[in-house]
Protein backbone atom coordinates (compact mmCIF):
# COMPACT_ATOMS: atom_id res chain seq x y z
CA MET A 1 -43.96 5.51 39.93
CA LEU A 2 -40.98 3.50 41.18
CA PHE A 3 -40.40 3.06 44.91
CA PHE A 4 -37.21 1.82 46.59
CA ASN A 5 -37.07 -0.09 49.87
CA ASN A 6 -34.14 1.98 51.04
CA LEU A 7 -31.62 4.53 49.93
CA GLN A 8 -28.95 1.89 49.48
CA SER A 9 -30.86 0.05 46.75
CA PHE A 10 -31.51 3.35 44.98
CA ASN A 11 -27.82 4.25 45.10
CA ARG A 12 -26.88 0.81 43.77
CA LEU A 13 -29.26 1.17 40.81
CA ALA A 14 -28.00 4.67 40.10
CA TYR A 15 -24.41 3.42 40.22
CA LEU A 16 -25.14 0.57 37.77
CA PHE A 17 -26.91 2.97 35.43
CA PHE A 18 -23.95 5.35 35.55
CA ILE A 19 -21.44 2.55 34.88
CA ASP A 20 -23.40 1.19 31.89
CA TYR A 21 -23.78 4.71 30.55
CA TYR A 22 -20.14 5.59 31.02
CA LEU A 23 -18.79 2.45 29.38
CA PHE A 24 -20.69 2.96 26.15
CA MET A 25 -18.51 3.64 23.10
CA ILE A 26 -18.96 2.37 19.53
CA LEU A 27 -17.76 3.16 16.04
CA LYS A 28 -20.98 3.79 14.09
CA SER A 29 -19.57 4.34 10.62
CA LEU A 30 -16.33 4.55 8.66
CA SER A 31 -15.48 6.01 5.27
CA LEU A 32 -12.19 5.68 3.40
CA LEU A 33 -10.90 7.78 0.54
CA ASN A 34 -7.65 6.81 -1.23
CA TYR A 35 -6.54 4.82 1.82
CA LYS A 36 -4.17 1.99 0.90
CA ASN A 37 -6.04 -0.15 -1.67
CA PHE A 38 -9.41 1.60 -1.25
CA GLU A 39 -10.42 4.36 -3.64
CA SER A 40 -13.70 5.04 -1.87
CA ARG A 41 -15.56 2.83 0.59
CA ALA A 42 -18.08 3.38 3.40
CA PHE A 43 -19.36 1.09 6.18
CA GLU A 44 -22.17 1.25 8.75
CA PHE A 45 -21.36 -0.93 11.76
CA ASP A 46 -23.17 -3.15 14.24
CA ASN A 47 -22.85 -2.16 17.89
CA LYS A 48 -21.27 -5.51 18.81
CA ILE A 49 -19.56 -7.71 16.20
CA ASN A 50 -18.40 -6.75 12.70
CA CYS A 51 -16.61 -9.16 10.37
CA PHE A 52 -14.67 -8.46 7.17
CA VAL A 53 -14.29 -11.58 5.02
CA GLY A 54 -12.71 -12.24 1.64
CA PRO A 55 -9.57 -13.55 -0.03
CA ASN A 56 -6.08 -12.44 0.93
CA GLY A 57 -4.97 -9.09 -0.47
CA ILE A 58 -8.48 -7.67 -0.73
CA GLY A 59 -8.01 -5.09 2.06
CA LYS A 60 -9.52 -6.63 5.20
CA THR A 61 -6.54 -5.72 7.36
CA ASN A 62 -6.45 -2.23 5.82
CA ILE A 63 -9.94 -1.54 7.21
CA LEU A 64 -8.84 -2.58 10.70
CA ASP A 65 -5.74 -0.43 10.28
CA ALA A 66 -7.91 2.56 9.35
CA ILE A 67 -9.85 2.08 12.61
CA TYR A 68 -6.54 1.90 14.49
CA HIS A 69 -5.45 5.08 12.68
CA LEU A 70 -8.48 6.94 14.06
CA SER A 71 -7.47 6.05 17.64
CA PHE A 72 -3.73 6.71 17.41
CA GLY A 73 -3.26 9.04 14.45
CA LYS A 74 -0.99 6.50 12.76
CA SER A 75 -0.99 3.09 11.10
CA TYR A 76 -0.32 -0.05 13.16
CA PHE A 77 1.38 -1.79 10.25
CA ASN A 78 3.16 0.96 8.30
CA PRO A 79 4.51 3.98 10.20
CA VAL A 80 5.51 5.78 6.95
CA SER A 81 2.37 7.88 6.52
CA SER A 82 2.83 8.67 2.83
CA GLN A 83 2.88 4.95 2.03
CA ASN A 84 -0.70 4.67 3.25
CA ILE A 85 -1.90 6.82 0.35
CA LYS A 86 -3.36 4.81 -2.54
CA HIS A 87 -0.97 4.42 -5.44
CA GLN A 88 -1.08 7.29 -7.96
CA GLU A 89 -3.14 9.47 -5.59
CA ASP A 90 -2.03 12.56 -3.66
CA PHE A 91 -3.94 12.20 -0.37
CA PHE A 92 -6.01 9.97 1.88
CA VAL A 93 -8.92 10.64 4.24
CA ILE A 94 -10.25 8.38 7.02
CA ASP A 95 -13.56 9.53 8.49
CA GLY A 96 -15.08 7.84 11.54
CA LEU A 97 -18.29 8.59 13.45
CA TYR A 98 -18.32 7.35 17.05
CA ASN A 99 -20.84 7.42 19.83
CA LYS A 100 -19.15 7.82 23.19
CA VAL A 101 -21.20 8.27 26.36
CA ASN A 102 -24.26 9.12 24.25
CA LYS A 103 -22.44 11.84 22.32
CA ASP A 104 -21.46 11.68 18.65
CA GLU A 105 -17.76 12.22 17.98
CA LYS A 106 -16.52 12.72 14.43
CA ILE A 107 -12.83 11.93 13.94
CA ILE A 108 -11.00 12.59 10.66
CA VAL A 109 -7.40 11.72 9.78
CA SER A 110 -6.08 13.08 6.48
CA LEU A 111 -2.77 13.43 4.72
CA ARG A 112 -1.70 15.14 1.51
CA LYS A 113 1.70 14.36 0.03
CA GLY A 114 4.32 16.89 1.07
CA GLN A 115 2.20 18.19 3.95
CA LYS A 116 1.69 17.35 7.62
CA LYS A 117 -0.93 14.83 8.62
CA ILE A 118 -4.09 16.39 10.09
CA LEU A 119 -6.19 14.91 12.90
CA LYS A 120 -9.56 16.49 13.67
CA ARG A 121 -12.17 15.93 16.35
CA ASN A 122 -15.58 17.43 15.55
CA GLY A 123 -13.99 19.80 13.05
CA LYS A 124 -11.26 21.06 15.40
CA VAL A 125 -7.65 20.28 14.47
CA TYR A 126 -5.44 18.82 17.19
CA ASP A 127 -2.27 20.83 17.81
CA ARG A 128 -0.61 17.68 19.13
CA PHE A 129 -1.58 14.12 18.22
CA SER A 130 -0.63 13.08 21.75
CA ASP A 131 -3.69 15.03 23.04
CA HIS A 132 -5.89 12.49 21.21
CA ILE A 133 -4.27 9.32 22.59
CA GLY A 134 -6.63 7.54 24.97
CA PHE A 135 -9.76 9.33 23.79
CA LEU A 136 -10.78 6.33 21.67
CA PRO A 137 -9.21 3.35 23.51
CA LEU A 138 -8.41 0.42 21.26
CA VAL A 139 -6.62 -2.94 21.37
CA ILE A 140 -5.51 -4.92 18.32
CA ILE A 141 -4.61 -8.60 18.16
CA SER A 142 -2.70 -9.43 14.97
CA PRO A 143 -0.17 -11.91 13.54
CA ALA A 144 2.24 -8.94 13.59
CA ASP A 145 2.20 -9.18 17.40
CA ARG A 146 4.82 -11.95 17.11
CA ASP A 147 7.30 -9.10 16.82
CA LEU A 148 6.80 -8.58 20.56
CA ILE A 149 8.55 -11.91 21.08
CA LEU A 150 10.94 -11.96 18.13
CA GLU A 151 12.13 -8.36 17.87
CA GLY A 152 14.30 -6.23 20.17
CA SER A 153 13.51 -4.35 23.35
CA GLU A 154 12.18 -1.25 21.57
CA THR A 155 9.11 -3.18 20.37
CA ARG A 156 8.25 -4.28 23.92
CA ARG A 157 8.89 -0.80 25.37
CA LYS A 158 6.48 0.64 22.82
CA PHE A 159 3.86 -1.87 23.91
CA VAL A 160 4.23 -0.90 27.58
CA ASP A 161 4.20 2.80 26.72
CA SER A 162 1.11 2.39 24.52
CA VAL A 163 -0.86 0.70 27.31
CA ILE A 164 0.08 3.27 29.95
CA SER A 165 -0.36 6.27 27.64
CA GLN A 166 -3.98 5.43 26.81
CA SER A 167 -4.92 6.12 30.42
CA ASP A 168 -2.21 8.52 31.61
CA LYS A 169 -1.64 11.78 29.71
CA ASN A 170 1.11 12.91 32.08
CA TYR A 171 3.08 9.75 31.35
CA LEU A 172 2.86 10.33 27.60
CA ASN A 173 4.00 13.94 27.96
CA THR A 174 6.90 12.88 30.20
CA LEU A 175 7.91 10.22 27.68
CA ILE A 176 7.87 12.77 24.84
CA ALA A 177 10.01 15.16 26.93
CA TYR A 178 12.47 12.37 27.80
CA ASN A 179 12.90 11.32 24.16
CA LYS A 180 13.40 14.93 23.07
CA THR A 181 16.07 15.45 25.75
CA LEU A 182 17.71 12.14 24.84
CA ALA A 183 17.97 13.21 21.18
CA GLN A 184 19.56 16.50 22.25
CA ARG A 185 22.09 14.75 24.52
CA ASN A 186 23.02 12.32 21.74
CA ALA A 187 23.45 15.22 19.31
CA LEU A 188 25.78 16.91 21.82
CA LEU A 189 27.86 13.72 22.18
CA LYS A 190 28.22 13.57 18.39
CA TYR A 191 29.23 17.25 18.35
CA PHE A 192 31.91 16.58 20.96
CA ALA A 193 33.31 13.71 18.89
CA ALA A 194 33.28 15.67 15.62
CA ASN A 195 34.99 18.70 17.15
CA HIS A 196 37.32 16.88 19.57
CA ALA A 197 35.76 18.89 22.38
CA PHE A 198 34.01 18.27 25.70
CA ASN A 199 31.97 20.49 28.02
CA LYS A 200 30.75 18.80 31.18
CA ASP A 201 28.47 21.71 32.17
CA SER A 202 26.54 21.45 28.90
CA LEU A 203 26.16 17.70 29.35
CA ASP A 204 25.04 18.08 32.96
CA ILE A 205 22.03 20.16 31.83
CA TYR A 206 20.77 17.19 29.81
CA ASN A 207 21.72 14.72 32.53
CA GLU A 208 19.56 16.62 34.99
CA GLN A 209 16.57 16.64 32.65
CA LEU A 210 16.96 12.98 31.71
CA THR A 211 17.13 12.05 35.39
CA LYS A 212 13.97 14.01 36.15
CA TYR A 213 11.92 12.54 33.30
CA GLY A 214 13.52 9.08 33.39
CA SER A 215 12.91 8.61 37.12
CA GLU A 216 9.21 9.38 36.64
CA ILE A 217 8.93 6.98 33.69
CA PHE A 218 10.67 4.22 35.66
CA LYS A 219 8.37 4.76 38.63
CA LYS A 220 5.23 4.55 36.48
CA ARG A 221 6.39 1.56 34.45
CA LYS A 222 7.19 -0.31 37.66
CA ALA A 223 3.80 0.52 39.19
CA PHE A 224 2.00 -0.41 35.97
CA LEU A 225 3.69 -3.80 35.68
CA SER A 226 3.00 -4.72 39.29
CA GLU A 227 -0.73 -4.55 38.40
CA PHE A 228 -0.55 -5.68 34.79
CA VAL A 229 1.37 -8.91 35.42
CA LYS A 230 -1.42 -10.22 37.68
CA ILE A 231 -4.04 -9.53 35.01
CA PHE A 232 -1.86 -11.13 32.33
CA ILE A 233 -1.25 -14.33 34.34
CA ALA A 234 -4.99 -14.73 34.95
CA ARG A 235 -5.72 -14.28 31.23
CA TYR A 236 -3.05 -16.80 30.24
CA LYS A 237 -4.47 -19.44 32.57
CA ALA A 238 -7.96 -18.94 31.13
CA ILE A 239 -6.75 -19.21 27.52
CA SER A 240 -4.23 -22.07 27.85
CA ASN A 241 -6.29 -24.30 30.16
CA ASP A 242 -3.15 -25.56 31.89
CA ASN A 243 -0.87 -24.83 34.83
CA GLU A 244 2.17 -23.40 33.06
CA ILE A 245 3.92 -20.64 34.96
CA VAL A 246 4.31 -17.49 32.89
CA ASP A 247 5.72 -14.11 33.86
CA LEU A 248 6.68 -10.65 32.62
CA VAL A 249 9.97 -9.45 34.10
CA TYR A 250 10.80 -5.75 33.97
CA LYS A 251 14.46 -5.03 33.18
CA SER A 252 15.86 -1.53 33.77
CA HIS A 253 19.20 0.11 34.50
CA LEU A 254 17.41 2.09 37.21
CA PHE A 255 17.15 -0.99 39.39
CA ASP A 256 20.94 -0.62 39.75
CA GLY A 257 20.97 3.01 40.85
CA LYS A 258 19.75 6.54 40.21
CA LEU A 259 19.96 7.74 36.63
CA ASP A 260 22.17 10.78 37.33
CA ALA A 261 24.83 8.53 38.90
CA LEU A 262 24.57 6.01 36.06
CA LEU A 263 24.99 8.75 33.45
CA ASN A 264 28.14 10.01 35.17
CA GLU A 265 29.56 6.51 35.54
CA ASN A 266 29.11 5.82 31.82
CA ILE A 267 30.28 9.15 30.41
CA ASN A 268 33.47 7.75 28.83
CA LYS A 269 31.51 4.94 27.23
CA ASP A 270 28.90 7.42 25.92
CA LYS A 271 31.62 9.66 24.47
CA ALA A 272 33.12 6.71 22.63
CA LEU A 273 29.76 5.41 21.36
CA GLN A 274 28.41 8.94 20.69
CA PHE A 275 25.04 8.05 22.21
CA THR A 276 23.51 7.58 25.65
CA SER A 277 24.05 3.98 26.75
CA VAL A 278 22.00 3.94 30.00
CA GLY A 279 18.48 5.05 30.85
CA VAL A 280 14.84 4.03 30.53
CA HIS A 281 15.19 4.05 26.72
CA LYS A 282 17.05 0.76 27.23
CA ASP A 283 14.35 -0.86 29.41
CA ASP A 284 13.01 -4.27 28.39
CA LEU A 285 10.18 -6.63 29.27
CA GLN A 286 11.29 -10.27 29.46
CA PHE A 287 8.64 -12.82 28.45
CA GLU A 288 9.03 -16.02 30.47
CA ILE A 289 7.45 -19.46 30.62
CA GLU A 290 8.55 -21.78 33.45
CA SER A 291 11.25 -19.15 34.21
CA TYR A 292 12.78 -19.45 30.71
CA PRO A 293 12.52 -17.03 27.74
CA ILE A 294 9.43 -17.95 25.75
CA LYS A 295 11.23 -16.96 22.54
CA LYS A 296 13.58 -19.95 22.92
CA PHE A 297 11.62 -22.41 25.04
CA GLY A 298 7.94 -21.80 24.22
CA SER A 299 6.06 -23.84 21.61
CA GLN A 300 4.13 -22.03 18.87
CA GLY A 301 0.89 -22.69 20.73
CA GLN A 302 2.33 -21.33 23.97
CA GLN A 303 3.65 -18.23 22.22
CA LYS A 304 0.24 -17.60 20.61
CA SER A 305 -1.54 -17.98 23.94
CA PHE A 306 1.06 -15.72 25.58
CA LEU A 307 0.49 -12.91 23.06
CA ILE A 308 -3.29 -13.11 23.20
CA ALA A 309 -3.20 -13.09 27.01
CA LEU A 310 -0.94 -10.04 26.78
CA LYS A 311 -3.40 -8.17 24.54
CA LEU A 312 -6.47 -9.15 26.54
CA ALA A 313 -4.69 -8.02 29.69
CA GLN A 314 -4.10 -4.73 27.88
CA PHE A 315 -7.85 -4.54 27.25
CA ASP A 316 -8.65 -5.26 30.91
CA PHE A 317 -6.12 -2.77 32.24
CA ILE A 318 -7.21 0.13 30.00
CA LYS A 319 -10.85 -0.48 30.82
CA SER A 320 -10.13 -0.55 34.55
CA GLN A 321 -8.20 2.73 34.33
CA ILE A 322 -10.50 4.84 32.17
CA GLY A 323 -13.87 3.14 32.54
CA VAL A 324 -14.46 2.83 28.77
CA ASN A 325 -14.47 -0.44 26.83
CA PRO A 326 -11.71 -0.33 24.23
CA ILE A 327 -12.63 -1.34 20.71
CA LEU A 328 -11.09 -4.75 19.97
CA LEU A 329 -9.65 -5.60 16.54
CA LEU A 330 -8.92 -9.25 15.70
CA ASP A 331 -6.81 -9.39 12.54
CA ASP A 332 -6.59 -12.71 10.70
CA ILE A 333 -6.38 -14.70 13.91
CA PHE A 334 -8.20 -17.77 12.53
CA ASP A 335 -5.12 -18.56 10.44
CA LYS A 336 -2.88 -18.34 13.49
CA LEU A 337 -5.05 -20.00 16.14
CA ASP A 338 -7.24 -23.08 16.35
CA GLU A 339 -10.99 -22.48 16.14
CA GLN A 340 -11.50 -23.35 19.81
CA ARG A 341 -9.22 -20.51 20.93
CA VAL A 342 -10.84 -18.07 18.49
CA THR A 343 -14.34 -18.99 19.65
CA GLN A 344 -13.15 -18.56 23.25
CA ILE A 345 -12.06 -15.00 22.47
CA ILE A 346 -15.25 -14.13 20.60
CA LYS A 347 -17.33 -15.46 23.50
CA LEU A 348 -15.87 -12.68 25.61
CA VAL A 349 -18.31 -10.30 23.93
CA ASP A 350 -21.15 -12.27 25.52
CA ALA A 351 -20.39 -10.22 28.60
CA GLU A 352 -22.60 -7.15 28.39
CA ASP A 353 -19.77 -4.84 29.33
CA PHE A 354 -17.27 -6.06 26.73
CA GLY A 355 -17.77 -3.65 23.86
CA GLN A 356 -17.40 -3.64 20.08
CA LEU A 357 -15.44 -6.23 18.12
CA PHE A 358 -14.01 -6.16 14.58
CA ILE A 359 -12.75 -9.36 12.91
CA SER A 360 -11.00 -10.12 9.62
CA ASP A 361 -10.93 -13.61 8.08
CA THR A 362 -10.57 -15.37 4.74
CA HIS A 363 -13.45 -17.86 5.23
CA PRO A 364 -17.02 -16.50 5.61
CA GLU A 365 -18.47 -19.82 6.82
CA ARG A 366 -15.84 -20.21 9.55
CA THR A 367 -16.38 -16.65 10.74
CA GLU A 368 -20.17 -16.92 10.82
CA LYS A 369 -19.99 -20.21 12.73
CA ALA A 370 -17.81 -18.56 15.37
CA VAL A 371 -19.92 -15.43 15.80
CA LYS A 372 -23.16 -17.44 15.91
CA SER A 373 -21.78 -19.24 18.96
CA VAL A 374 -22.32 -16.08 20.99
CA HIS A 375 -25.56 -14.28 21.74
CA GLN A 376 -24.81 -10.90 20.21
CA THR A 377 -25.80 -9.07 17.07
CA TYR A 378 -23.32 -9.12 14.23
CA GLN A 379 -22.72 -7.98 10.66
CA ILE A 380 -20.57 -9.60 7.98
CA PHE A 381 -19.01 -7.53 5.21
CA LYS A 382 -17.93 -9.58 2.18
CA LEU A 383 -15.09 -7.97 0.27
CA GLY A 384 -13.95 -8.75 -3.24
């Protein structure tokens, strides 16, 4: 029989037990059928570290993408769903078995050509994929993340929205409603232009809705970034081992005024362009180093550190919001980072509360050396 000196020590132990219990989530197994280059393949995973090794083009990244697909209902690398079906086949199926808070959760994503994609949890089909977002939190670090620096504002907005949406269902629903209203307003502007007509009352209906949804999105993005930037800066310092000053600067039209007023001010411009020129769909996140854009003034090493800090901050933020360790996917990062940085990242799993890690690499020896540097169980899958 266990005795406690006082109630406080008992409560502390109970709290720690609850936290450990609540944070537990792993992908136990994965099976693929006609997914990308895989005809049929099944995997049983380690609770901590899992590595996929083999030559380029063998399908390592496709396995990570399948895991991403189970969390978000879509591919990270190819948003055209039909192109994820193996050549000369008519369908694909991704089947994952998770254990979350000591309960098995079976998730299946499937698509047949000419039909809608289906997402199931424990045999029940989701009516809306958005209802699934955040249930299986996940963060991916990939060479494709360079698009966050190189591409336009839409890529960075999607990143912000993805982080917030994994822990805030209301935000995701508001974002969906805003984008639907935006599409309707743009269609109306095109109708006006095609028919040489204009009806302010009709436009005002959409202005009112956009203002309602857009103001809420702006408010939540601003609140999110006030917290996220601090986490990001701390991560960058830990990874870069220097004193460079980095920052994420939120840019939005709504800093200049309320959206309804901005929409009215820009109506002539919108009529000429035939689309809505102001609103949160134009927001951007400026990546800075020493107060200059990192795209122009950051070295390759600084840009790599910046992106990894960004993704690890995403991991930290999601975990802090929902209390579950996101699964972490590291795609081909050995070829983009020096071994010291990679080992630094892998050592994060030494913390008992970090979670499950999936890695892809072309060199088995390099991968095994890195994972042996930590004190966790691991499994290596050799492909090809």
